[in-house]
Amino acid sequence: MTAKTPKDSLTTLTDMVLPGETNPLDNLFGGELLARMDRASSIAAQRHSRRIVVTASVNHVHFAKAVPVGSVVTIQAKVSRVFTSSMEIYLDVWIEDRETGNRTKVNEAIYTFVAVDRTGTPVKIPQVIPETKLEKERYEGALRRKQLSLVLSGRMKPQDATELKALFA
């Protein structure tokens, strides 16, 4: 299995926020943005693995700014780290100023997907090799995030979370 780079999975979705997708303050519903991010990250996961993929978890979502009606929203997703059959997808979300074209980052999120065969059994997938400084930072952080998730869910003992323990040594 040949390793891939994060850019091999890069997925960019651009869309406009319509009135029917907003709350009483005329901002995009958070759930609508989550659904768009889920679609973008599933495409990125499928591009990396070339397999059927299923959402395993939404590990982190940070709604930094509201997304007003009429905004042009761009979501970029790419694989940040691969484990055996699971992969972490990091997403960045921007809105574009209609007059200037300047982009403002409004959200980021981390999803985990698992590659499966047609019976739903997890399958091994290619590793990812980060290239840029940001990709390397996200790659390194992914193991800590996974260990934290496992500890919080009770599937890993805190003393076995070596990457997390190293932060406090």
C-alpha atoms as a PDB file:
ATOM      1  CA  MET A   1       0.000   0.000   0.000  1.00  0.00           C
ATOM      2  CA  THR A   2       1.536   3.308  -1.074  1.00  0.00           C
ATOM      3  CA  ALA A   3       1.414   6.203   1.384  1.00  0.00           C
ATOM      4  CA  LYS A   4      -0.249   9.429   0.262  1.00  0.00           C
ATOM      5  CA  THR A   5       0.051  13.092   1.141  1.00  0.00           C
ATOM      6  CA  PRO A   6      -2.696  15.243   2.656  1.00  0.00           C
ATOM      7  CA  LYS A   7      -3.079  17.128  -0.632  1.00  0.00           C
ATOM      8  CA  ASP A   8      -4.152  13.850  -2.273  1.00  0.00           C
ATOM      9  CA  SER A   9      -7.321  14.003  -0.175  1.00  0.00           C
ATOM     10  CA  LEU A  10      -7.889  17.760  -0.341  1.00  0.00           C
ATOM     11  CA  THR A  11     -11.566  18.529  -0.793  1.00  0.00           C
ATOM     12  CA  THR A  12     -12.958  22.031  -1.214  1.00  0.00           C
ATOM     13  CA  LEU A  13     -16.684  22.715  -1.082  1.00  0.00           C
ATOM     14  CA  THR A  14     -17.989  26.213  -1.783  1.00  0.00           C
ATOM     15  CA  ASP A  15     -21.621  27.183  -1.395  1.00  0.00           C
ATOM     16  CA  MET A  16     -23.866  30.109  -0.515  1.00  0.00           C
ATOM     17  CA  VAL A  17     -25.933  30.423   2.656  1.00  0.00           C
ATOM     18  CA  LEU A  18     -29.623  30.678   1.736  1.00  0.00           C
ATOM     19  CA  PRO A  19     -32.401  32.112   3.943  1.00  0.00           C
ATOM     20  CA  GLY A  20     -33.974  28.681   4.559  1.00  0.00           C
ATOM     21  CA  GLU A  21     -30.715  27.488   6.161  1.00  0.00           C
ATOM     22  CA  THR A  22     -30.565  30.189   8.821  1.00  0.00           C
ATOM     23  CA  ASN A  23     -31.761  30.755  12.362  1.00  0.00           C
ATOM     24  CA  PRO A  24     -33.841  33.760  13.558  1.00  0.00           C
ATOM     25  CA  LEU A  25     -30.647  35.865  13.628  1.00  0.00           C
ATOM     26  CA  ASP A  26     -30.129  35.154   9.899  1.00  0.00           C
ATOM     27  CA  ASN A  27     -27.008  33.077  10.570  1.00  0.00           C
ATOM     28  CA  LEU A  28     -26.360  29.591   9.216  1.00  0.00           C
ATOM     29  CA  PHE A  29     -27.685  26.855  11.504  1.00  0.00           C
ATOM     30  CA  GLY A  30     -24.792  25.080  13.233  1.00  0.00           C
ATOM     31  CA  GLY A  31     -26.282  21.721  12.235  1.00  0.00           C
ATOM     32  CA  GLU A  32     -26.329  22.759   8.589  1.00  0.00           C
ATOM     33  CA  LEU A  33     -22.639  23.631   8.761  1.00  0.00           C
ATOM     34  CA  LEU A  34     -21.914  20.316  10.499  1.00  0.00           C
ATOM     35  CA  ALA A  35     -23.670  18.439   7.688  1.00  0.00           C
ATOM     36  CA  ARG A  36     -21.650  20.296   5.052  1.00  0.00           C
ATOM     37  CA  MET A  37     -18.438  19.532   6.947  1.00  0.00           C
ATOM     38  CA  ASP A  38     -19.434  15.874   7.224  1.00  0.00           C
ATOM     39  CA  ARG A  39     -19.873  15.684   3.445  1.00  0.00           C
ATOM     40  CA  ALA A  40     -16.550  17.414   2.754  1.00  0.00           C
ATOM     41  CA  SER A  41     -14.666  15.224   5.214  1.00  0.00           C
ATOM     42  CA  SER A  42     -16.272  12.032   3.897  1.00  0.00           C
ATOM     43  CA  ILE A  43     -15.111  12.919   0.384  1.00  0.00           C
ATOM     44  CA  ALA A  44     -11.584  13.593   1.687  1.00  0.00           C
ATOM     45  CA  ALA A  45     -11.581  10.255   3.560  1.00  0.00           C
ATOM     46  CA  GLN A  46     -12.828   8.391   0.492  1.00  0.00           C
ATOM     47  CA  ARG A  47     -10.215  10.070  -1.712  1.00  0.00           C
ATOM     48  CA  HIS A  48      -7.483   8.960   0.647  1.00  0.00           C
ATOM     49  CA  SER A  49      -8.670   5.404   1.247  1.00  0.00           C
ATOM     50  CA  ARG A  50     -10.532   4.671  -2.009  1.00  0.00           C
ATOM     51  CA  ARG A  51     -12.971   2.772   0.203  1.00  0.00           C
ATOM     52  CA  ILE A  52     -16.429   3.159   1.665  1.00  0.00           C
ATOM     53  CA  VAL A  53     -16.062   5.417   4.701  1.00  0.00           C
ATOM     54  CA  VAL A  54     -18.263   6.015   7.716  1.00  0.00           C
ATOM     55  CA  THR A  55     -18.215   8.818  10.241  1.00  0.00           C
ATOM     56  CA  ALA A  56     -16.815   7.502  13.526  1.00  0.00           C
ATOM     57  CA  SER A  57     -16.835  10.745  15.486  1.00  0.00           C
ATOM     58  CA  VAL A  58     -16.884  14.491  15.417  1.00  0.00           C
ATOM     59  CA  ASN A  59     -13.948  15.130  17.701  1.00  0.00           C
ATOM     60  CA  HIS A  60     -13.852  18.893  17.754  1.00  0.00           C
ATOM     61  CA  VAL A  61     -15.854  21.780  16.361  1.00  0.00           C
ATOM     62  CA  HIS A  62     -15.082  25.416  16.996  1.00  0.00           C
ATOM     63  CA  PHE A  63     -17.668  27.948  15.852  1.00  0.00           C
ATOM     64  CA  ALA A  64     -15.499  31.074  16.001  1.00  0.00           C
ATOM     65  CA  LYS A  65     -17.818  33.405  14.076  1.00  0.00           C
ATOM     66  CA  ALA A  66     -21.378  33.412  12.815  1.00  0.00           C
ATOM     67  CA  VAL A  67     -22.003  32.755   9.126  1.00  0.00           C
ATOM     68  CA  PRO A  68     -24.587  35.285   7.875  1.00  0.00           C
ATOM     69  CA  VAL A  69     -27.200  34.663   5.218  1.00  0.00           C
ATOM     70  CA  GLY A  70     -25.834  35.343   1.744  1.00  0.00           C
ATOM     71  CA  SER A  71     -22.278  34.401   2.726  1.00  0.00           C
ATOM     72  CA  VAL A  72     -20.119  32.395   0.399  1.00  0.00           C
ATOM     73  CA  VAL A  73     -18.797  29.548   2.554  1.00  0.00           C
ATOM     74  CA  THR A  74     -15.728  27.500   1.654  1.00  0.00           C
ATOM     75  CA  ILE A  75     -14.894  24.290   3.495  1.00  0.00           C
ATOM     76  CA  GLN A  76     -11.519  22.624   3.025  1.00  0.00           C
ATOM     77  CA  ALA A  77     -10.960  19.125   4.337  1.00  0.00           C
ATOM     78  CA  LYS A  78      -7.975  16.805   4.170  1.00  0.00           C
ATOM     79  CA  VAL A  79      -6.619  13.785   5.972  1.00  0.00           C
ATOM     80  CA  SER A  80      -4.296  14.793   8.794  1.00  0.00           C
ATOM     81  CA  ARG A  81      -3.362  11.327  10.099  1.00  0.00           C
ATOM     82  CA  VAL A  82      -4.124   7.673   9.435  1.00  0.00           C
ATOM     83  CA  PHE A  83      -4.197   4.912  11.980  1.00  0.00           C
ATOM     84  CA  THR A  84      -5.030   1.330  10.897  1.00  0.00           C
ATOM     85  CA  SER A  85      -8.472   1.744   9.370  1.00  0.00           C
ATOM     86  CA  SER A  86      -9.388   5.126  10.786  1.00  0.00           C
ATOM     87  CA  MET A  87      -8.307   8.547   9.665  1.00  0.00           C
ATOM     88  CA  GLU A  88      -8.533  11.994  11.151  1.00  0.00           C
ATOM     89  CA  ILE A  89      -9.854  14.698   8.842  1.00  0.00           C
ATOM     90  CA  TYR A  90      -9.081  18.324   9.652  1.00  0.00           C
ATOM     91  CA  LEU A  91     -11.447  20.965   8.292  1.00  0.00           C
ATOM     92  CA  ASP A  92     -11.133  24.726   7.922  1.00  0.00           C
ATOM     93  CA  VAL A  93     -14.124  26.923   7.086  1.00  0.00           C
ATOM     94  CA  TRP A  94     -14.006  30.438   5.640  1.00  0.00           C
ATOM     95  CA  ILE A  95     -16.499  33.029   4.534  1.00  0.00           C
ATOM     96  CA  GLU A  96     -15.762  35.431   1.733  1.00  0.00           C
ATOM     97  CA  ASP A  97     -16.526  39.147   1.805  1.00  0.00           C
ATOM     98  CA  ARG A  98     -18.769  39.786  -1.186  1.00  0.00           C
ATOM     99  CA  GLU A  99     -17.243  43.172  -1.945  1.00  0.00           C
ATOM    100  CA  THR A 100     -13.529  42.666  -1.302  1.00  0.00           C
ATOM    101  CA  GLY A 101     -13.148  38.915  -1.735  1.00  0.00           C
ATOM    102  CA  ASN A 102     -11.209  38.742   1.535  1.00  0.00           C
ATOM    103  CA  ARG A 103     -11.651  35.477   3.407  1.00  0.00           C
ATOM    104  CA  THR A 104     -12.210  35.138   7.158  1.00  0.00           C
ATOM    105  CA  LYS A 105     -11.774  31.836   8.969  1.00  0.00           C
ATOM    106  CA  VAL A 106     -14.987  31.156  10.890  1.00  0.00           C
ATOM    107  CA  ASN A 107     -14.728  27.543  11.937  1.00  0.00           C
ATOM    108  CA  GLU A 108     -12.516  24.513  12.227  1.00  0.00           C
ATOM    109  CA  ALA A 109     -13.352  20.941  13.016  1.00  0.00           C
ATOM    110  CA  ILE A 110     -11.866  17.477  13.312  1.00  0.00           C
ATOM    111  CA  TYR A 111     -13.777  14.402  12.189  1.00  0.00           C
ATOM    112  CA  THR A 112     -12.757  10.744  12.334  1.00  0.00           C
ATOM    113  CA  PHE A 113     -13.748   8.303   9.610  1.00  0.00           C
ATOM    114  CA  VAL A 114     -13.271   4.562   9.311  1.00  0.00           C
ATOM    115  CA  ALA A 115     -12.736   2.813   5.988  1.00  0.00           C
ATOM    116  CA  VAL A 116     -14.829  -0.338   5.619  1.00  0.00           C
ATOM    117  CA  ASP A 117     -15.530  -3.064   3.089  1.00  0.00           C
ATOM    118  CA  ARG A 118     -18.998  -3.817   1.701  1.00  0.00           C
ATOM    119  CA  THR A 119     -19.891  -5.806   4.834  1.00  0.00           C
ATOM    120  CA  GLY A 120     -18.967  -2.905   7.132  1.00  0.00           C
ATOM    121  CA  THR A 121     -15.744  -4.514   8.349  1.00  0.00           C
ATOM    122  CA  PRO A 122     -12.884  -2.034   8.910  1.00  0.00           C
ATOM    123  CA  VAL A 123     -10.041  -2.332   6.390  1.00  0.00           C
ATOM    124  CA  LYS A 124      -6.423  -1.232   6.445  1.00  0.00           C
ATOM    125  CA  ILE A 125      -5.676   1.948   4.505  1.00  0.00           C
ATOM    126  CA  PRO A 126      -2.549   3.759   3.277  1.00  0.00           C
ATOM    127  CA  GLN A 127      -0.615   5.969   5.667  1.00  0.00           C
ATOM    128  CA  VAL A 128      -0.372   9.712   5.135  1.00  0.00           C
ATOM    129  CA  ILE A 129       2.890  11.649   4.895  1.00  0.00           C
ATOM    130  CA  PRO A 130       2.517  15.301   5.916  1.00  0.00           C
ATOM    131  CA  GLU A 131       4.491  17.829   3.872  1.00  0.00           C
ATOM    132  CA  THR A 132       3.852  21.369   5.101  1.00  0.00           C
ATOM    133  CA  LYS A 133       4.566  22.746   8.568  1.00  0.00           C
ATOM    134  CA  LEU A 134       0.826  22.919   9.336  1.00  0.00           C
ATOM    135  CA  GLU A 135       0.253  19.369   8.080  1.00  0.00           C
ATOM    136  CA  LYS A 136       3.098  18.144  10.303  1.00  0.00           C
ATOM    137  CA  GLU A 137       1.661  19.965  13.341  1.00  0.00           C
ATOM    138  CA  ARG A 138      -1.773  18.480  12.738  1.00  0.00           C
ATOM    139  CA  TYR A 139      -0.266  15.028  12.159  1.00  0.00           C
ATOM    140  CA  GLU A 140       1.649  15.164  15.453  1.00  0.00           C
ATOM    141  CA  GLY A 141      -1.384  16.414  17.365  1.00  0.00           C
ATOM    142  CA  ALA A 142      -3.635  13.682  15.984  1.00  0.00           C
ATOM    143  CA  LEU A 143      -2.136  10.951  18.158  1.00  0.00           C
ATOM    144  CA  ARG A 144      -2.627  13.070  21.292  1.00  0.00           C
ATOM    145  CA  ARG A 145      -6.215  13.793  20.255  1.00  0.00           C
ATOM    146  CA  LYS A 146      -6.857  10.095  19.653  1.00  0.00           C
ATOM    147  CA  GLN A 147      -5.397   9.123  23.011  1.00  0.00           C
ATOM    148  CA  LEU A 148      -7.458  11.783  24.776  1.00  0.00           C
ATOM    149  CA  SER A 149     -10.610  10.518  23.086  1.00  0.00           C
ATOM    150  CA  LEU A 150      -9.798   6.930  24.079  1.00  0.00           C
ATOM    151  CA  VAL A 151      -9.112   7.920  27.694  1.00  0.00           C
ATOM    152  CA  LEU A 152     -12.325   9.950  27.936  1.00  0.00           C
ATOM    153  CA  SER A 153     -14.366   7.072  26.493  1.00  0.00           C
ATOM    154  CA  GLY A 154     -12.784   4.583  28.903  1.00  0.00           C
ATOM    155  CA  ARG A 155     -11.136   2.572  26.122  1.00  0.00           C
ATOM    156  CA  MET A 156      -7.609   3.495  27.260  1.00  0.00           C
ATOM    157  CA  LYS A 157      -6.145   3.811  30.732  1.00  0.00           C
ATOM    158  CA  PRO A 158      -4.696   7.264  31.411  1.00  0.00           C
ATOM    159  CA  GLN A 159      -1.311   5.740  32.301  1.00  0.00           C
ATOM    160  CA  ASP A 160      -1.150   4.177  28.820  1.00  0.00           C
ATOM    161  CA  ALA A 161      -1.621   7.520  27.032  1.00  0.00           C
ATOM    162  CA  THR A 162       2.084   8.088  26.479  1.00  0.00           C
ATOM    163  CA  GLU A 163       1.703  11.041  24.102  1.00  0.00           C
ATOM    164  CA  LEU A 164      -0.572  12.854  26.552  1.00  0.00           C
ATOM    165  CA  LYS A 165       1.693  12.100  29.506  1.00  0.00           C
ATOM    166  CA  ALA A 166       4.643  13.539  27.575  1.00  0.00           C
ATOM    167  CA  LEU A 167       2.885  16.932  27.493  1.00  0.00           C
ATOM    168  CA  PHE A 168       3.046  17.109  31.265  1.00  0.00           C
ATOM    169  CA  ALA A 169       6.501  15.648  31.862  1.00  0.00           C
END
